[in-house]
Amino acid sequence: MSDDLLSQLRVHDPGTGRQRGIEDRGFIEVGAWHEIVWRIDAGGMRLVVDGEDRFAGNGHYAGIDAPLGIGPCFGSTVAVREFTVTAG
């Protein structure tokens, strides 16, 4: 497996179902808790990890009815301590 794939942040667009890889934005420290803020509003979405912008993009998300999730890759494990959905 290439190092390029290992360092990617994989983003799945809830409006289109397409996914994309953003180079060098995916790694987080192993064995540590991290704050992940994933904000989706009518015109776009933004992902912030430990206060660092990792992804921002425009889209048409008004009225989206899709599942939310945070997932592992390459055999890793993800433990979620808190998951809050806020309508705004």
C-alpha atoms as a PDB file:
ATOM      1  CA  MET A   1       0.000   0.000   0.000  1.00  0.00           C
ATOM      2  CA  SER A   2       1.382   3.398  -0.920  1.00  0.00           C
ATOM      3  CA  ASP A   3       2.197   6.092   1.655  1.00  0.00           C
ATOM      4  CA  ASP A   4      -0.112   8.421  -0.329  1.00  0.00           C
ATOM      5  CA  LEU A   5      -3.137   6.305   0.581  1.00  0.00           C
ATOM      6  CA  LEU A   6      -2.069   6.001   4.217  1.00  0.00           C
ATOM      7  CA  SER A   7      -1.925   9.786   4.675  1.00  0.00           C
ATOM      8  CA  GLN A   8      -5.246  10.609   3.008  1.00  0.00           C
ATOM      9  CA  LEU A   9      -8.314  11.964   4.715  1.00  0.00           C
ATOM     10  CA  ARG A  10     -11.262  10.218   3.043  1.00  0.00           C
ATOM     11  CA  VAL A  11     -14.362  12.408   2.784  1.00  0.00           C
ATOM     12  CA  HIS A  12     -17.697  10.975   1.689  1.00  0.00           C
ATOM     13  CA  ASP A  13     -20.038  13.685   0.414  1.00  0.00           C
ATOM     14  CA  PRO A  14     -23.497  13.157   1.974  1.00  0.00           C
ATOM     15  CA  GLY A  15     -25.212  14.959  -0.900  1.00  0.00           C
ATOM     16  CA  THR A  16     -23.691  13.087  -3.826  1.00  0.00           C
ATOM     17  CA  GLY A  17     -22.370   9.910  -2.218  1.00  0.00           C
ATOM     18  CA  ARG A  18     -18.998  10.511  -3.892  1.00  0.00           C
ATOM     19  CA  GLN A  19     -15.808  10.200  -1.944  1.00  0.00           C
ATOM     20  CA  ARG A  20     -12.464  11.878  -2.308  1.00  0.00           C
ATOM     21  CA  GLY A  21      -9.056  11.649  -0.741  1.00  0.00           C
ATOM     22  CA  ILE A  22      -7.275  14.740   0.543  1.00  0.00           C
ATOM     23  CA  GLU A  23      -3.525  14.167   0.631  1.00  0.00           C
ATOM     24  CA  ASP A  24      -1.616  14.542   3.917  1.00  0.00           C
ATOM     25  CA  ARG A  25      -4.719  15.464   5.967  1.00  0.00           C
ATOM     26  CA  GLY A  26      -5.712  12.096   7.454  1.00  0.00           C
ATOM     27  CA  PHE A  27      -3.271  11.157  10.204  1.00  0.00           C
ATOM     28  CA  ILE A  28      -4.129  11.603  13.884  1.00  0.00           C
ATOM     29  CA  GLU A  29      -2.108  10.476  16.906  1.00  0.00           C
ATOM     30  CA  VAL A  30      -2.689   6.829  17.782  1.00  0.00           C
ATOM     31  CA  GLY A  31      -3.945   6.078  21.293  1.00  0.00           C
ATOM     32  CA  ALA A  32      -5.072   9.637  22.041  1.00  0.00           C
ATOM     33  CA  TRP A  33      -8.484  11.309  22.246  1.00  0.00           C
ATOM     34  CA  HIS A  34      -9.220  13.865  19.529  1.00  0.00           C
ATOM     35  CA  GLU A  35     -11.927  16.463  19.103  1.00  0.00           C
ATOM     36  CA  ILE A  36     -13.542  16.132  15.689  1.00  0.00           C
ATOM     37  CA  VAL A  37     -16.058  18.769  14.611  1.00  0.00           C
ATOM     38  CA  TRP A  38     -17.944  17.947  11.432  1.00  0.00           C
ATOM     39  CA  ARG A  39     -20.286  20.769  10.507  1.00  0.00           C
ATOM     40  CA  ILE A  40     -22.798  20.368   7.691  1.00  0.00           C
ATOM     41  CA  ASP A  41     -25.173  23.163   6.758  1.00  0.00           C
ATOM     42  CA  ALA A  42     -27.296  23.950   3.707  1.00  0.00           C
ATOM     43  CA  GLY A  43     -24.359  25.221   1.629  1.00  0.00           C
ATOM     44  CA  GLY A  44     -21.353  23.151   2.628  1.00  0.00           C
ATOM     45  CA  MET A  45     -19.430  21.140   5.155  1.00  0.00           C
ATOM     46  CA  ARG A  46     -16.282  21.583   7.216  1.00  0.00           C
ATOM     47  CA  LEU A  47     -14.149  19.146   9.193  1.00  0.00           C
ATOM     48  CA  VAL A  48     -11.915  20.353  12.042  1.00  0.00           C
ATOM     49  CA  VAL A  49      -9.669  17.982  14.016  1.00  0.00           C
ATOM     50  CA  ASP A  50      -8.192  19.276  17.279  1.00  0.00           C
ATOM     51  CA  GLY A  51      -8.747  22.865  16.122  1.00  0.00           C
ATOM     52  CA  GLU A  52      -7.054  22.330  12.742  1.00  0.00           C
ATOM     53  CA  ASP A  53      -9.059  22.715   9.531  1.00  0.00           C
ATOM     54  CA  ARG A  54      -8.798  19.466   7.596  1.00  0.00           C
ATOM     55  CA  PHE A  55     -11.519  19.923   4.964  1.00  0.00           C
ATOM     56  CA  ALA A  56     -13.998  22.537   3.744  1.00  0.00           C
ATOM     57  CA  GLY A  57     -16.226  22.245   0.712  1.00  0.00           C
ATOM     58  CA  ASN A  58     -19.370  23.630  -0.852  1.00  0.00           C
ATOM     59  CA  GLY A  59     -22.438  21.551  -1.586  1.00  0.00           C
ATOM     60  CA  HIS A  60     -26.215  21.458  -1.557  1.00  0.00           C
ATOM     61  CA  TYR A  61     -27.121  19.810   1.728  1.00  0.00           C
ATOM     62  CA  ALA A  62     -30.506  21.321   2.583  1.00  0.00           C
ATOM     63  CA  GLY A  63     -32.912  18.497   3.379  1.00  0.00           C
ATOM     64  CA  ILE A  64     -30.249  15.748   3.425  1.00  0.00           C
ATOM     65  CA  ASP A  65     -31.480  12.557   5.057  1.00  0.00           C
ATOM     66  CA  ALA A  66     -28.387  10.377   5.357  1.00  0.00           C
ATOM     67  CA  PRO A  67     -26.557   8.488   8.117  1.00  0.00           C
ATOM     68  CA  LEU A  68     -23.562  10.078   9.851  1.00  0.00           C
ATOM     69  CA  GLY A  69     -20.438   8.206  10.797  1.00  0.00           C
ATOM     70  CA  ILE A  70     -16.765   8.277  11.668  1.00  0.00           C
ATOM     71  CA  GLY A  71     -14.878   5.195  10.621  1.00  0.00           C
ATOM     72  CA  PRO A  72     -11.528   3.464  10.863  1.00  0.00           C
ATOM     73  CA  CYS A  73      -9.228   2.299   8.114  1.00  0.00           C
ATOM     74  CA  PHE A  74      -6.582  -0.359   7.546  1.00  0.00           C
ATOM     75  CA  GLY A  75      -7.609  -2.465  10.558  1.00  0.00           C
ATOM     76  CA  SER A  76      -7.636   0.358  13.099  1.00  0.00           C
ATOM     77  CA  THR A  77     -10.250   0.817  15.825  1.00  0.00           C
ATOM     78  CA  VAL A  78     -12.266   3.964  16.533  1.00  0.00           C
ATOM     79  CA  ALA A  79     -13.939   4.569  19.901  1.00  0.00           C
ATOM     80  CA  VAL A  80     -16.422   7.438  20.007  1.00  0.00           C
ATOM     81  CA  ARG A  81     -16.960   8.921  23.467  1.00  0.00           C
ATOM     82  CA  GLU A  82     -19.632  11.415  22.433  1.00  0.00           C
ATOM     83  CA  PHE A  83     -21.556  12.042  19.220  1.00  0.00           C
ATOM     84  CA  THR A  84     -23.915  15.007  19.160  1.00  0.00           C
ATOM     85  CA  VAL A  85     -26.190  16.091  16.330  1.00  0.00           C
ATOM     86  CA  THR A  86     -27.454  19.655  16.563  1.00  0.00           C
ATOM     87  CA  ALA A  87     -30.041  21.125  14.204  1.00  0.00           C
ATOM     88  CA  GLY A  88     -29.284  24.707  13.384  1.00  0.00           C
END
